[in-house]
């Protein structure tokens, strides 16, 4: 999993210079988990890590430049995304 997260975090950093690596990594993990949970709740069969990586990558391409604005509008995530001491969501 780290390989997927690292690759996506690096891509997010290319799109958005407002994040540290740790913040980008946390974003990737949040997006990854959100997609997999939503997909499962909708009753779809698990399609694997490659499909999830493709979807998260598409989200980064579309929304990566403005993800830093999300924290200002959604304070419940502020503690997760502003804590640069976290190496990732799961430590």
N, C-alpha and C. Protein backbone atom coordinates (compact mmCIF):
# COMPACT_ATOMS: atom_id res chain seq x y z
N UNK A 1 0.81 -1.20 0.00
CA UNK A 1 0.00 0.00 0.00
C UNK A 1 0.86 1.26 0.00
N UNK A 2 1.97 1.21 0.73
CA UNK A 2 2.82 2.39 0.79
C UNK A 2 3.26 2.85 -0.59
N UNK A 3 3.52 1.90 -1.47
CA UNK A 3 3.93 2.23 -2.84
C UNK A 3 2.85 3.07 -3.54
N UNK A 4 1.61 2.67 -3.40
CA UNK A 4 0.50 3.41 -3.99
C UNK A 4 0.38 4.80 -3.37
N UNK A 5 0.39 4.83 -2.04
CA UNK A 5 0.23 6.10 -1.33
C UNK A 5 1.37 7.07 -1.64
N UNK A 6 2.58 6.55 -1.67
CA UNK A 6 3.74 7.41 -1.97
C UNK A 6 3.63 8.00 -3.37
N UNK A 7 3.29 7.17 -4.33
CA UNK A 7 3.19 7.63 -5.72
C UNK A 7 2.11 8.70 -5.86
N UNK A 8 0.95 8.48 -5.23
CA UNK A 8 -0.14 9.45 -5.30
C UNK A 8 0.18 10.73 -4.53
N UNK A 9 0.85 10.61 -3.40
CA UNK A 9 1.23 11.80 -2.62
C UNK A 9 2.20 12.66 -3.43
N UNK A 10 3.14 12.04 -4.11
CA UNK A 10 4.08 12.79 -4.95
C UNK A 10 3.33 13.52 -6.07
N UNK A 11 2.34 12.88 -6.65
CA UNK A 11 1.56 13.52 -7.71
C UNK A 11 0.77 14.71 -7.16
N UNK A 12 0.21 14.54 -5.97
CA UNK A 12 -0.54 15.63 -5.34
C UNK A 12 0.40 16.81 -5.06
N UNK A 13 1.60 16.53 -4.62
CA UNK A 13 2.57 17.60 -4.36
C UNK A 13 2.93 18.36 -5.64
N UNK A 14 2.94 17.66 -6.76
CA UNK A 14 3.19 18.33 -8.04
C UNK A 14 2.05 19.28 -8.39
N UNK A 15 0.83 18.92 -8.01
CA UNK A 15 -0.36 19.72 -8.33
C UNK A 15 -0.59 20.85 -7.33
N UNK A 16 -0.15 20.66 -6.08
CA UNK A 16 -0.48 21.61 -5.03
C UNK A 16 0.73 21.85 -4.12
N UNK A 17 1.29 23.01 -4.22
CA UNK A 17 2.50 23.36 -3.45
C UNK A 17 2.17 23.80 -2.02
N UNK A 18 0.91 23.82 -1.64
CA UNK A 18 0.51 24.24 -0.30
C UNK A 18 0.71 23.14 0.75
N UNK A 19 0.96 21.93 0.31
CA UNK A 19 1.06 20.80 1.23
C UNK A 19 2.50 20.38 1.48
N UNK A 20 2.73 19.89 2.68
CA UNK A 20 3.96 19.17 2.96
C UNK A 20 3.73 17.73 2.47
N UNK A 21 4.79 16.95 2.44
CA UNK A 21 4.63 15.55 2.03
C UNK A 21 3.64 14.84 2.95
N UNK A 22 3.76 15.05 4.26
CA UNK A 22 2.89 14.36 5.21
C UNK A 22 1.42 14.73 5.01
N UNK A 23 1.15 15.98 4.72
CA UNK A 23 -0.22 16.41 4.46
C UNK A 23 -0.75 15.79 3.16
N UNK A 24 0.08 15.75 2.13
CA UNK A 24 -0.33 15.14 0.87
C UNK A 24 -0.61 13.66 1.07
N UNK A 25 0.22 13.01 1.83
CA UNK A 25 0.04 11.58 2.10
C UNK A 25 -1.26 11.35 2.86
N UNK A 26 -1.56 12.20 3.83
CA UNK A 26 -2.81 12.08 4.57
C UNK A 26 -4.00 12.27 3.65
N UNK A 27 -3.93 13.26 2.76
CA UNK A 27 -4.99 13.47 1.78
C UNK A 27 -5.22 12.23 0.94
N UNK A 28 -4.14 11.65 0.46
CA UNK A 28 -4.24 10.45 -0.38
C UNK A 28 -4.94 9.33 0.38
N UNK A 29 -4.55 9.13 1.62
CA UNK A 29 -5.16 8.07 2.42
C UNK A 29 -6.64 8.34 2.68
N UNK A 30 -7.00 9.60 2.92
CA UNK A 30 -8.41 9.95 3.11
C UNK A 30 -9.21 9.69 1.84
N UNK A 31 -8.68 10.11 0.71
CA UNK A 31 -9.38 9.90 -0.56
C UNK A 31 -9.50 8.42 -0.89
N UNK A 32 -8.44 7.67 -0.63
CA UNK A 32 -8.42 6.23 -0.89
C UNK A 32 -9.51 5.54 -0.06
N UNK A 33 -9.51 5.81 1.22
CA UNK A 33 -10.48 5.18 2.11
C UNK A 33 -11.91 5.61 1.78
N UNK A 34 -12.08 6.87 1.41
CA UNK A 34 -13.40 7.36 1.04
C UNK A 34 -13.93 6.62 -0.18
N UNK A 35 -13.10 6.47 -1.19
CA UNK A 35 -13.54 5.77 -2.39
C UNK A 35 -13.89 4.32 -2.08
N UNK A 36 -13.01 3.62 -1.38
CA UNK A 36 -13.28 2.21 -1.10
C UNK A 36 -14.52 2.03 -0.24
N UNK A 37 -14.73 2.88 0.75
CA UNK A 37 -15.91 2.77 1.61
C UNK A 37 -17.19 3.07 0.83
N UNK A 38 -17.16 4.10 0.02
CA UNK A 38 -18.34 4.47 -0.76
C UNK A 38 -18.66 3.39 -1.78
N UNK A 39 -17.66 2.85 -2.42
CA UNK A 39 -17.84 1.80 -3.41
C UNK A 39 -18.45 0.56 -2.77
N UNK A 40 -17.96 0.21 -1.58
CA UNK A 40 -18.48 -0.96 -0.87
C UNK A 40 -19.92 -0.74 -0.41
N UNK A 41 -20.20 0.44 0.12
CA UNK A 41 -21.56 0.74 0.58
C UNK A 41 -22.56 0.71 -0.56
N UNK A 42 -22.10 1.02 -1.76
CA UNK A 42 -22.98 1.00 -2.93
C UNK A 42 -23.22 -0.43 -3.42
N UNK A 43 -22.54 -1.39 -2.81
CA UNK A 43 -22.76 -2.79 -3.14
C UNK A 43 -21.91 -3.34 -4.27
N UNK A 44 -20.90 -2.58 -4.68
CA UNK A 44 -20.05 -3.05 -5.76
C UNK A 44 -18.99 -4.01 -5.23
N UNK A 45 -18.59 -4.96 -6.07
CA UNK A 45 -17.51 -5.86 -5.72
C UNK A 45 -16.18 -5.10 -5.77
N UNK A 46 -15.28 -5.47 -4.89
CA UNK A 46 -13.97 -4.84 -4.82
C UNK A 46 -13.21 -5.10 -6.12
N UNK A 47 -12.70 -4.06 -6.73
CA UNK A 47 -11.99 -4.18 -8.01
C UNK A 47 -10.48 -4.14 -7.87
N UNK A 48 -9.99 -3.94 -6.67
CA UNK A 48 -8.55 -3.98 -6.45
C UNK A 48 -7.90 -2.61 -6.30
N UNK A 49 -6.65 -2.66 -5.88
CA UNK A 49 -5.89 -1.45 -5.60
C UNK A 49 -5.63 -0.62 -6.85
N UNK A 50 -5.46 -1.28 -7.99
CA UNK A 50 -5.18 -0.53 -9.21
C UNK A 50 -6.35 0.36 -9.61
N UNK A 51 -7.57 -0.12 -9.42
CA UNK A 51 -8.75 0.68 -9.73
C UNK A 51 -8.84 1.85 -8.75
N UNK A 52 -8.63 1.58 -7.48
CA UNK A 52 -8.67 2.66 -6.49
C UNK A 52 -7.60 3.69 -6.78
N UNK A 53 -6.40 3.25 -7.14
CA UNK A 53 -5.34 4.20 -7.47
C UNK A 53 -5.75 5.06 -8.67
N UNK A 54 -6.36 4.46 -9.67
CA UNK A 54 -6.78 5.22 -10.85
C UNK A 54 -7.81 6.29 -10.49
N UNK A 55 -8.78 5.92 -9.64
CA UNK A 55 -9.82 6.88 -9.24
C UNK A 55 -9.21 8.02 -8.42
N UNK A 56 -8.39 7.69 -7.44
CA UNK A 56 -7.77 8.73 -6.60
C UNK A 56 -6.87 9.61 -7.47
N UNK A 57 -6.17 9.02 -8.41
CA UNK A 57 -5.34 9.80 -9.32
C UNK A 57 -6.19 10.77 -10.14
N UNK A 58 -7.33 10.32 -10.61
CA UNK A 58 -8.24 11.21 -11.35
C UNK A 58 -8.72 12.36 -10.46
N UNK A 59 -9.04 12.07 -9.21
CA UNK A 59 -9.46 13.12 -8.28
C UNK A 59 -8.34 14.13 -8.07
N UNK A 60 -7.12 13.64 -7.95
CA UNK A 60 -5.97 14.54 -7.77
C UNK A 60 -5.81 15.42 -9.00
N UNK A 61 -5.94 14.83 -10.18
CA UNK A 61 -5.81 15.62 -11.41
C UNK A 61 -6.88 16.70 -11.49
N UNK A 62 -8.11 16.37 -11.11
CA UNK A 62 -9.22 17.33 -11.21
C UNK A 62 -9.24 18.36 -10.09
N UNK A 63 -8.92 17.92 -8.87
CA UNK A 63 -9.14 18.78 -7.70
C UNK A 63 -7.88 19.07 -6.88
N UNK A 64 -6.76 18.50 -7.27
CA UNK A 64 -5.54 18.62 -6.47
C UNK A 64 -5.10 20.04 -6.22
N UNK A 65 -5.25 20.90 -7.20
CA UNK A 65 -4.79 22.28 -7.06
C UNK A 65 -5.55 23.05 -5.99
N UNK A 66 -6.77 22.63 -5.70
CA UNK A 66 -7.60 23.39 -4.74
C UNK A 66 -7.90 22.63 -3.45
N UNK A 67 -7.30 21.48 -3.25
CA UNK A 67 -7.60 20.71 -2.04
C UNK A 67 -7.27 21.44 -0.75
N UNK A 68 -6.26 22.30 -0.78
CA UNK A 68 -5.90 23.04 0.44
C UNK A 68 -7.04 23.96 0.90
N UNK A 69 -7.93 24.34 -0.01
CA UNK A 69 -9.07 25.19 0.34
C UNK A 69 -10.14 24.42 1.12
N UNK A 70 -10.12 23.11 1.01
CA UNK A 70 -11.10 22.27 1.68
C UNK A 70 -11.05 22.42 3.20
N UNK A 71 -9.86 22.52 3.75
CA UNK A 71 -9.69 22.64 5.21
C UNK A 71 -10.37 23.89 5.73
N UNK A 72 -10.24 24.98 5.03
CA UNK A 72 -10.86 26.24 5.46
C UNK A 72 -12.38 26.12 5.50
N UNK A 73 -12.93 25.31 4.63
CA UNK A 73 -14.38 25.17 4.56
C UNK A 73 -14.92 24.00 5.39
N UNK A 74 -14.05 23.13 5.86
CA UNK A 74 -14.46 21.94 6.60
C UNK A 74 -13.59 21.76 7.84
N UNK A 75 -13.88 22.51 8.89
CA UNK A 75 -13.01 22.50 10.07
C UNK A 75 -12.89 21.15 10.77
N UNK A 76 -13.81 20.22 10.54
CA UNK A 76 -13.71 18.93 11.23
C UNK A 76 -12.49 18.14 10.77
N UNK A 77 -11.91 18.47 9.60
CA UNK A 77 -10.72 17.80 9.11
C UNK A 77 -9.43 18.56 9.43
N UNK A 78 -9.57 19.74 9.97
CA UNK A 78 -8.42 20.60 10.20
C UNK A 78 -7.35 19.91 11.06
N UNK A 79 -7.76 19.23 12.11
CA UNK A 79 -6.78 18.59 12.99
C UNK A 79 -6.01 17.48 12.28
N UNK A 80 -6.61 16.83 11.32
CA UNK A 80 -5.94 15.77 10.57
C UNK A 80 -4.97 16.36 9.55
N UNK A 81 -5.44 17.36 8.84
CA UNK A 81 -4.67 17.87 7.71
C UNK A 81 -3.65 18.93 8.09
N UNK A 82 -3.81 19.54 9.25
CA UNK A 82 -2.85 20.56 9.67
C UNK A 82 -1.79 20.02 10.60
N UNK A 83 -1.90 18.78 10.99
CA UNK A 83 -0.92 18.18 11.88
C UNK A 83 0.20 17.59 11.05
N UNK A 84 1.22 18.39 10.81
CA UNK A 84 2.32 17.97 9.96
C UNK A 84 3.23 16.94 10.63
N UNK A 85 3.00 16.65 11.88
CA UNK A 85 3.81 15.66 12.57
C UNK A 85 3.39 14.24 12.21
N UNK A 86 2.17 14.10 11.68
CA UNK A 86 1.70 12.77 11.27
C UNK A 86 2.46 12.32 10.05
N UNK A 87 2.97 11.10 10.08
CA UNK A 87 3.59 10.54 8.90
C UNK A 87 2.54 10.11 7.92
N UNK A 88 1.38 9.75 8.44
CA UNK A 88 0.26 9.36 7.61
C UNK A 88 -0.96 9.25 8.50
N UNK A 89 -2.06 8.96 7.91
CA UNK A 89 -3.30 8.81 8.66
C UNK A 89 -3.19 7.65 9.64
N UNK A 90 -2.51 6.60 9.24
CA UNK A 90 -2.33 5.41 10.09
C UNK A 90 -0.90 5.35 10.56
N UNK A 91 -0.68 5.73 11.81
CA UNK A 91 0.69 5.66 12.30
C UNK A 91 0.82 4.65 13.40
